[in-house]
Amino acid sequence: MELPTHLDWSEQRVYDLDDDAQLGLMYERVIREAAHIDDLRTYLNASILIRVWPRLFLPVLARQTWEARFRHLVRAA
């Protein structure tokens, strides 16, 4: 998966989604950088998000906001 530069401006914009570490990094970047709901819909999958949620390194406010909106993420953590 290759992220557009508005989500990932680093040299590594291509992620191997079969690699859990790269998958988690891609999800972290999308959650932190998405400015539009369409980016979240395009690059995140709900069942994968629930699976990787406990391992994502996110700013505290971002994690709290997502967990307040999507209660099932709290149960996943």
PDB file of N, CA and C in Angstrom:
ATOM      1  N   MET A   1       0.855  -1.162   0.000  1.00  0.00           N
ATOM      2  CA  MET A   1       0.000   0.000   0.000  1.00  0.00           C
ATOM      3  C   MET A   1       0.904   1.228   0.000  1.00  0.00           C
ATOM      4  N   GLU A   2       0.608   2.147  -0.885  1.00  0.00           N
ATOM      5  CA  GLU A   2       1.358   3.401  -0.906  1.00  0.00           C
ATOM      6  C   GLU A   2       0.443   4.536  -0.462  1.00  0.00           C
ATOM      7  N   LEU A   3       0.880   5.252   0.566  1.00  0.00           N
ATOM      8  CA  LEU A   3       0.113   6.392   1.055  1.00  0.00           C
ATOM      9  C   LEU A   3       0.458   7.638   0.254  1.00  0.00           C
ATOM     10  N   PRO A   4      -0.525   8.508   0.055  1.00  0.00           N
ATOM     11  CA  PRO A   4      -0.241   9.774  -0.620  1.00  0.00           C
ATOM     12  C   PRO A   4       0.594  10.676   0.292  1.00  0.00           C
ATOM     13  N   THR A   5       1.266  11.640  -0.311  1.00  0.00           N
ATOM     14  CA  THR A   5       2.168  12.496   0.466  1.00  0.00           C
ATOM     15  C   THR A   5       1.457  13.322   1.523  1.00  0.00           C
ATOM     16  N   HIS A   6       0.160  13.599   1.376  1.00  0.00           N
ATOM     17  CA  HIS A   6      -0.512  14.375   2.423  1.00  0.00           C
ATOM     18  C   HIS A   6      -0.716  13.549   3.693  1.00  0.00           C
ATOM     19  N   LEU A   7      -0.539  12.225   3.609  1.00  0.00           N
ATOM     20  CA  LEU A   7      -0.606  11.370   4.794  1.00  0.00           C
ATOM     21  C   LEU A   7       0.776  10.941   5.275  1.00  0.00           C
ATOM     22  N   ASP A   8       1.696  10.813   4.359  1.00  0.00           N
ATOM     23  CA  ASP A   8       3.042  10.357   4.717  1.00  0.00           C
ATOM     24  C   ASP A   8       4.045  11.016   3.785  1.00  0.00           C
ATOM     25  N   TRP A   9       4.776  11.971   4.300  1.00  0.00           N
ATOM     26  CA  TRP A   9       5.738  12.704   3.487  1.00  0.00           C
ATOM     27  C   TRP A   9       7.158  12.162   3.684  1.00  0.00           C
ATOM     28  N   SER A  10       7.276  11.026   4.355  1.00  0.00           N
ATOM     29  CA  SER A  10       8.590  10.422   4.552  1.00  0.00           C
ATOM     30  C   SER A  10       9.021   9.679   3.289  1.00  0.00           C
ATOM     31  N   GLU A  11      10.244   9.180   3.316  1.00  0.00           N
ATOM     32  CA  GLU A  11      10.740   8.400   2.185  1.00  0.00           C
ATOM     33  C   GLU A  11      10.034   7.058   2.086  1.00  0.00           C
ATOM     34  N   GLN A  12       9.536   6.573   3.215  1.00  0.00           N
ATOM     35  CA  GLN A  12       8.832   5.290   3.226  1.00  0.00           C
ATOM     36  C   GLN A  12       7.337   5.546   3.167  1.00  0.00           C
ATOM     37  N   ARG A  13       6.802   5.560   1.984  1.00  0.00           N
ATOM     38  CA  ARG A  13       5.360   5.733   1.835  1.00  0.00           C
ATOM     39  C   ARG A  13       4.699   4.446   1.378  1.00  0.00           C
ATOM     40  N   VAL A  14       5.499   3.405   1.179  1.00  0.00           N
ATOM     41  CA  VAL A  14       4.980   2.116   0.736  1.00  0.00           C
ATOM     42  C   VAL A  14       5.068   1.147   1.907  1.00  0.00           C
ATOM     43  N   TYR A  15       3.962   0.476   2.190  1.00  0.00           N
ATOM     44  CA  TYR A  15       3.875  -0.419   3.336  1.00  0.00           C
ATOM     45  C   TYR A  15       3.469  -1.812   2.893  1.00  0.00           C
ATOM     46  N   ASP A  16       4.126  -2.805   3.474  1.00  0.00           N
ATOM     47  CA  ASP A  16       3.772  -4.203   3.251  1.00  0.00           C
ATOM     48  C   ASP A  16       2.739  -4.566   4.319  1.00  0.00           C
ATOM     49  N   LEU A  17       1.489  -4.677   3.923  1.00  0.00           N
ATOM     50  CA  LEU A  17       0.415  -4.913   4.885  1.00  0.00           C
ATOM     51  C   LEU A  17       0.411  -6.326   5.439  1.00  0.00           C
ATOM     52  N   ASP A  18       1.243  -7.207   4.893  1.00  0.00           N
ATOM     53  CA  ASP A  18       1.404  -8.548   5.463  1.00  0.00           C
ATOM     54  C   ASP A  18       2.381  -8.539   6.636  1.00  0.00           C
ATOM     55  N   ASP A  19       3.100  -7.447   6.805  1.00  0.00           N
ATOM     56  CA  ASP A  19       4.044  -7.281   7.902  1.00  0.00           C
ATOM     57  C   ASP A  19       3.341  -6.484   8.999  1.00  0.00           C
ATOM     58  N   ASP A  20       3.121  -7.097  10.167  1.00  0.00           N
ATOM     59  CA  ASP A  20       2.363  -6.432  11.239  1.00  0.00           C
ATOM     60  C   ASP A  20       2.976  -5.113  11.674  1.00  0.00           C
ATOM     61  N   ALA A  21       4.304  -5.023  11.700  1.00  0.00           N
ATOM     62  CA  ALA A  21       4.951  -3.780  12.114  1.00  0.00           C
ATOM     63  C   ALA A  21       4.662  -2.662  11.102  1.00  0.00           C
ATOM     64  N   GLN A  22       4.752  -2.965   9.818  1.00  0.00           N
ATOM     65  CA  GLN A  22       4.474  -1.961   8.803  1.00  0.00           C
ATOM     66  C   GLN A  22       2.992  -1.608   8.761  1.00  0.00           C
ATOM     67  N   LEU A  23       2.144  -2.595   8.954  1.00  0.00           N
ATOM     68  CA  LEU A  23       0.704  -2.347   9.003  1.00  0.00           C
ATOM     69  C   LEU A  23       0.375  -1.378  10.138  1.00  0.00           C
ATOM     70  N   GLY A  24       0.928  -1.633  11.317  1.00  0.00           N
ATOM     71  CA  GLY A  24       0.692  -0.750  12.458  1.00  0.00           C
ATOM     72  C   GLY A  24       1.194   0.654  12.206  1.00  0.00           C
ATOM     73  N   LEU A  25       2.369   0.770  11.612  1.00  0.00           N
ATOM     74  CA  LEU A  25       2.931   2.083  11.309  1.00  0.00           C
ATOM     75  C   LEU A  25       2.041   2.844  10.320  1.00  0.00           C
ATOM     76  N   MET A  26       1.536   2.138   9.311  1.00  0.00           N
ATOM     77  CA  MET A  26       0.658   2.788   8.344  1.00  0.00           C
ATOM     78  C   MET A  26      -0.623   3.276   9.030  1.00  0.00           C
ATOM     79  N   TYR A  27      -1.210   2.446   9.894  1.00  0.00           N
ATOM     80  CA  TYR A  27      -2.428   2.854  10.595  1.00  0.00           C
ATOM     81  C   TYR A  27      -2.162   4.062  11.494  1.00  0.00           C
ATOM     82  N   GLU A  28      -1.025   4.067  12.185  1.00  0.00           N
ATOM     83  CA  GLU A  28      -0.672   5.213  13.024  1.00  0.00           C
ATOM     84  C   GLU A  28      -0.585   6.489  12.190  1.00  0.00           C
ATOM     85  N   ARG A  29       0.070   6.403  11.057  1.00  0.00           N
ATOM     86  CA  ARG A  29       0.235   7.590  10.207  1.00  0.00           C
ATOM     87  C   ARG A  29      -1.104   8.086   9.686  1.00  0.00           C
ATOM     88  N   VAL A  30      -1.955   7.166   9.237  1.00  0.00           N
ATOM     89  CA  VAL A  30      -3.260   7.582   8.717  1.00  0.00           C
ATOM     90  C   VAL A  30      -4.087   8.232   9.820  1.00  0.00           C
ATOM     91  N   ILE A  31      -4.117   7.632  10.998  1.00  0.00           N
ATOM     92  CA  ILE A  31      -4.904   8.192  12.099  1.00  0.00           C
ATOM     93  C   ILE A  31      -4.380   9.566  12.496  1.00  0.00           C
ATOM     94  N   ARG A  32      -3.078   9.723  12.552  1.00  0.00           N
ATOM     95  CA  ARG A  32      -2.501  11.007  12.961  1.00  0.00           C
ATOM     96  C   ARG A  32      -2.629  12.088  11.896  1.00  0.00           C
ATOM     97  N   GLU A  33      -2.545  11.724  10.638  1.00  0.00           N
ATOM     98  CA  GLU A  33      -2.425  12.727   9.585  1.00  0.00           C
ATOM     99  C   GLU A  33      -3.689  12.975   8.767  1.00  0.00           C
ATOM    100  N   ALA A  34      -4.657  12.101   8.828  1.00  0.00           N
ATOM    101  CA  ALA A  34      -5.850  12.271   7.986  1.00  0.00           C
ATOM    102  C   ALA A  34      -6.591  13.548   8.357  1.00  0.00           C
ATOM    103  N   ALA A  35      -6.885  14.339   7.355  1.00  0.00           N
ATOM    104  CA  ALA A  35      -7.640  15.576   7.558  1.00  0.00           C
ATOM    105  C   ALA A  35      -9.073  15.432   7.049  1.00  0.00           C
ATOM    106  N   HIS A  36      -9.314  14.365   6.320  1.00  0.00           N
ATOM    107  CA  HIS A  36     -10.640  14.152   5.731  1.00  0.00           C
ATOM    108  C   HIS A  36     -11.120  12.740   6.015  1.00  0.00           C
ATOM    109  N   ILE A  37     -12.396  12.592   6.245  1.00  0.00           N
ATOM    110  CA  ILE A  37     -12.998  11.287   6.515  1.00  0.00           C
ATOM    111  C   ILE A  37     -12.726  10.303   5.382  1.00  0.00           C
ATOM    112  N   ASP A  38     -12.625  10.797   4.159  1.00  0.00           N
ATOM    113  CA  ASP A  38     -12.372   9.908   3.020  1.00  0.00           C
ATOM    114  C   ASP A  38     -11.036   9.189   3.156  1.00  0.00           C
ATOM    115  N   ASP A  39     -10.039   9.835   3.741  1.00  0.00           N
ATOM    116  CA  ASP A  39      -8.755   9.165   3.963  1.00  0.00           C
ATOM    117  C   ASP A  39      -8.924   8.004   4.943  1.00  0.00           C
ATOM    118  N   LEU A  40      -9.693   8.221   5.998  1.00  0.00           N
ATOM    119  CA  LEU A  40      -9.920   7.151   6.969  1.00  0.00           C
ATOM    120  C   LEU A  40     -10.669   5.994   6.318  1.00  0.00           C
ATOM    121  N   ARG A  41     -11.679   6.311   5.545  1.00  0.00           N
ATOM    122  CA  ARG A  41     -12.456   5.269   4.866  1.00  0.00           C
ATOM    123  C   ARG A  41     -11.619   4.510   3.842  1.00  0.00           C
ATOM    124  N   THR A  42     -10.730   5.198   3.184  1.00  0.00           N
ATOM    125  CA  THR A  42      -9.920   4.577   2.134  1.00  0.00           C
ATOM    126  C   THR A  42      -8.827   3.683   2.700  1.00  0.00           C
ATOM    127  N   TYR A  43      -8.169   4.105   3.771  1.00  0.00           N
ATOM    128  CA  TYR A  43      -6.959   3.427   4.224  1.00  0.00           C
ATOM    129  C   TYR A  43      -7.107   2.592   5.489  1.00  0.00           C
ATOM    130  N   LEU A  44      -8.238   2.690   6.189  1.00  0.00           N
ATOM    131  CA  LEU A  44      -8.425   1.902   7.405  1.00  0.00           C
ATOM    132  C   LEU A  44      -9.537   0.887   7.219  1.00  0.00           C
ATOM    133  N   ASN A  45      -9.357  -0.261   7.838  1.00  0.00           N
ATOM    134  CA  ASN A  45     -10.348  -1.329   7.836  1.00  0.00           C
ATOM    135  C   ASN A  45     -10.727  -1.575   9.289  1.00  0.00           C
ATOM    136  N   ALA A  46     -12.026  -1.589   9.589  1.00  0.00           N
ATOM    137  CA  ALA A  46     -12.497  -1.673  10.976  1.00  0.00           C
ATOM    138  C   ALA A  46     -11.989  -2.919  11.698  1.00  0.00           C
ATOM    139  N   SER A  47     -12.086  -4.073  11.084  1.00  0.00           N
ATOM    140  CA  SER A  47     -11.664  -5.296  11.777  1.00  0.00           C
ATOM    141  C   SER A  47     -10.151  -5.318  11.997  1.00  0.00           C
ATOM    142  N   ILE A  48      -9.395  -4.803  11.045  1.00  0.00           N
ATOM    143  CA  ILE A  48      -7.942  -4.723  11.235  1.00  0.00           C
ATOM    144  C   ILE A  48      -7.609  -3.702  12.308  1.00  0.00           C
ATOM    145  N   LEU A  49      -8.311  -2.579  12.309  1.00  0.00           N
ATOM    146  CA  LEU A  49      -8.080  -1.550  13.322  1.00  0.00           C
ATOM    147  C   LEU A  49      -8.287  -2.108  14.725  1.00  0.00           C
ATOM    148  N   ILE A  50      -9.348  -2.863  14.922  1.00  0.00           N
ATOM    149  CA  ILE A  50      -9.610  -3.467  16.237  1.00  0.00           C
ATOM    150  C   ILE A  50      -8.470  -4.404  16.628  1.00  0.00           C
ATOM    151  N   ARG A  51      -7.977  -5.169  15.678  1.00  0.00           N
ATOM    152  CA  ARG A  51      -6.898  -6.127  15.956  1.00  0.00           C
ATOM    153  C   ARG A  51      -5.593  -5.425  16.332  1.00  0.00           C
ATOM    154  N   VAL A  52      -5.250  -4.338  15.636  1.00  0.00           N
ATOM    155  CA  VAL A  52      -3.960  -3.684  15.877  1.00  0.00           C
ATOM    156  C   VAL A  52      -4.032  -2.564  16.910  1.00  0.00           C
ATOM    157  N   TRP A  53      -5.231  -2.141  17.280  1.00  0.00           N
ATOM    158  CA  TRP A  53      -5.408  -0.990  18.172  1.00  0.00           C
ATOM    159  C   TRP A  53      -4.534  -1.035  19.430  1.00  0.00           C
ATOM    160  N   PRO A  54      -4.483  -2.165  20.146  1.00  0.00           N
ATOM    161  CA  PRO A  54      -3.673  -2.173  21.379  1.00  0.00           C
ATOM    162  C   PRO A  54      -2.185  -1.909  21.147  1.00  0.00           C
ATOM    163  N   ARG A  55      -1.696  -2.139  19.953  1.00  0.00           N
ATOM    164  CA  ARG A  55      -0.266  -1.979  19.664  1.00  0.00           C
ATOM    165  C   ARG A  55       0.084  -0.653  18.995  1.00  0.00           C
ATOM    166  N   LEU A  56      -0.904   0.156  18.683  1.00  0.00           N
ATOM    167  CA  LEU A  56      -0.624   1.417  17.995  1.00  0.00           C
ATOM    168  C   LEU A  56      -0.055   2.445  18.961  1.00  0.00           C
ATOM    169  N   PHE A  57       0.963   3.162  18.499  1.00  0.00           N
ATOM    170  CA  PHE A  57       1.566   4.248  19.268  1.00  0.00           C
ATOM    171  C   PHE A  57       0.938   5.542  18.765  1.00  0.00           C
ATOM    172  N   LEU A  58       0.038   6.083  19.579  1.00  0.00           N
ATOM    173  CA  LEU A  58      -0.714   7.277  19.189  1.00  0.00           C
ATOM    174  C   LEU A  58      -0.623   8.333  20.284  1.00  0.00           C
ATOM    175  N   PRO A  59      -0.764   9.598  19.906  1.00  0.00           N
ATOM    176  CA  PRO A  59      -0.851  10.634  20.936  1.00  0.00           C
ATOM    177  C   PRO A  59      -2.044  10.342  21.865  1.00  0.00           C
ATOM    178  N   VAL A  60      -1.893  10.658  23.130  1.00  0.00           N
ATOM    179  CA  VAL A  60      -2.927  10.358  24.118  1.00  0.00           C
ATOM    180  C   VAL A  60      -4.280  10.930  23.697  1.00  0.00           C
ATOM    181  N   LEU A  61      -4.305  12.167  23.263  1.00  0.00           N
ATOM    182  CA  LEU A  61      -5.565  12.795  22.878  1.00  0.00           C
ATOM    183  C   LEU A  61      -6.208  12.078  21.684  1.00  0.00           C
ATOM    184  N   ALA A  62      -5.406  11.659  20.731  1.00  0.00           N
ATOM    185  CA  ALA A  62      -5.946  10.927  19.578  1.00  0.00           C
ATOM    186  C   ALA A  62      -6.561   9.609  20.031  1.00  0.00           C
ATOM    187  N   ARG A  63      -5.851   8.867  20.878  1.00  0.00           N
ATOM    188  CA  ARG A  63      -6.374   7.584  21.372  1.00  0.00           C
ATOM    189  C   ARG A  63      -7.671   7.803  22.155  1.00  0.00           C
ATOM    190  N   GLN A  64      -7.697   8.784  23.031  1.00  0.00           N
ATOM    191  CA  GLN A  64      -8.897   9.059  23.827  1.00  0.00           C
ATOM    192  C   GLN A  64     -10.071   9.456  22.934  1.00  0.00           C
ATOM    193  N   THR A  65      -9.808  10.255  21.936  1.00  0.00           N
ATOM    194  CA  THR A  65     -10.867  10.699  21.027  1.00  0.00           C
ATOM    195  C   THR A  65     -11.438   9.529  20.254  1.00  0.00           C
ATOM    196  N   TRP A  66     -10.583   8.701  19.703  1.00  0.00           N
ATOM    197  CA  TRP A  66     -11.058   7.531  18.955  1.00  0.00           C
ATOM    198  C   TRP A  66     -11.820   6.571  19.867  1.00  0.00           C
ATOM    199  N   GLU A  67     -11.318   6.328  21.067  1.00  0.00           N
ATOM    200  CA  GLU A  67     -11.992   5.393  21.974  1.00  0.00           C
ATOM    201  C   GLU A  67     -13.327   5.948  22.460  1.00  0.00           C
ATOM    202  N   ALA A  68     -13.440   7.263  22.607  1.00  0.00           N
ATOM    203  CA  ALA A  68     -14.717   7.864  22.996  1.00  0.00           C
ATOM    204  C   ALA A  68     -15.746   7.716  21.877  1.00  0.00           C
ATOM    205  N   ARG A  69     -15.298   7.799  20.643  1.00  0.00           N
ATOM    206  CA  ARG A  69     -16.202   7.706  19.493  1.00  0.00           C
ATOM    207  C   ARG A  69     -16.512   6.253  19.117  1.00  0.00           C
ATOM    208  N   PHE A  70     -15.505   5.376  19.256  1.00  0.00           N
ATOM    209  CA  PHE A  70     -15.642   3.964  18.868  1.00  0.00           C
ATOM    210  C   PHE A  70     -15.375   3.102  20.094  1.00  0.00           C
ATOM    211  N   ARG A  71     -16.414   2.870  20.873  1.00  0.00           N
ATOM    212  CA  ARG A  71     -16.287   2.177  22.173  1.00  0.00           C
ATOM    213  C   ARG A  71     -15.683   0.776  22.040  1.00  0.00           C
ATOM    214  N   HIS A  72     -15.890   0.121  20.902  1.00  0.00           N
ATOM    215  CA  HIS A  72     -15.337  -1.230  20.726  1.00  0.00           C
ATOM    216  C   HIS A  72     -13.806  -1.226  20.715  1.00  0.00           C
ATOM    217  N   LEU A  73     -13.180  -0.080  20.473  1.00  0.00           N
ATOM    218  CA  LEU A  73     -11.727   0.000  20.552  1.00  0.00           C
ATOM    219  C   LEU A  73     -11.251  -0.101  21.995  1.00  0.00           C
ATOM    220  N   VAL A  74     -12.046   0.372  22.933  1.00  0.00           N
ATOM    221  CA  VAL A  74     -11.689   0.273  24.347  1.00  0.00           C
ATOM    222  C   VAL A  74     -11.607  -1.193  24.755  1.00  0.00           C
ATOM    223  N   ARG A  75     -12.564  -1.970  24.299  1.00  0.00           N
ATOM    224  CA  ARG A  75     -12.570  -3.397  24.612  1.00  0.00           C
ATOM    225  C   ARG A  75     -11.403  -4.120  23.959  1.00  0.00           C
ATOM    226  N   ALA A  76     -10.923  -3.597  22.828  1.00  0.00           N
ATOM    227  CA  ALA A  76      -9.808  -4.219  22.122  1.00  0.00           C
ATOM    228  C   ALA A  76      -8.475  -3.940  22.824  1.00  0.00           C
ATOM    229  N   ALA A  77      -8.406  -2.838  23.545  1.00  0.00           N
ATOM    230  CA  ALA A  77      -7.134  -2.434  24.177  1.00  0.00           C
ATOM    231  C   ALA A  77      -6.790  -3.267  25.382  1.00  0.00           C
TER     232      ALA A  77
END
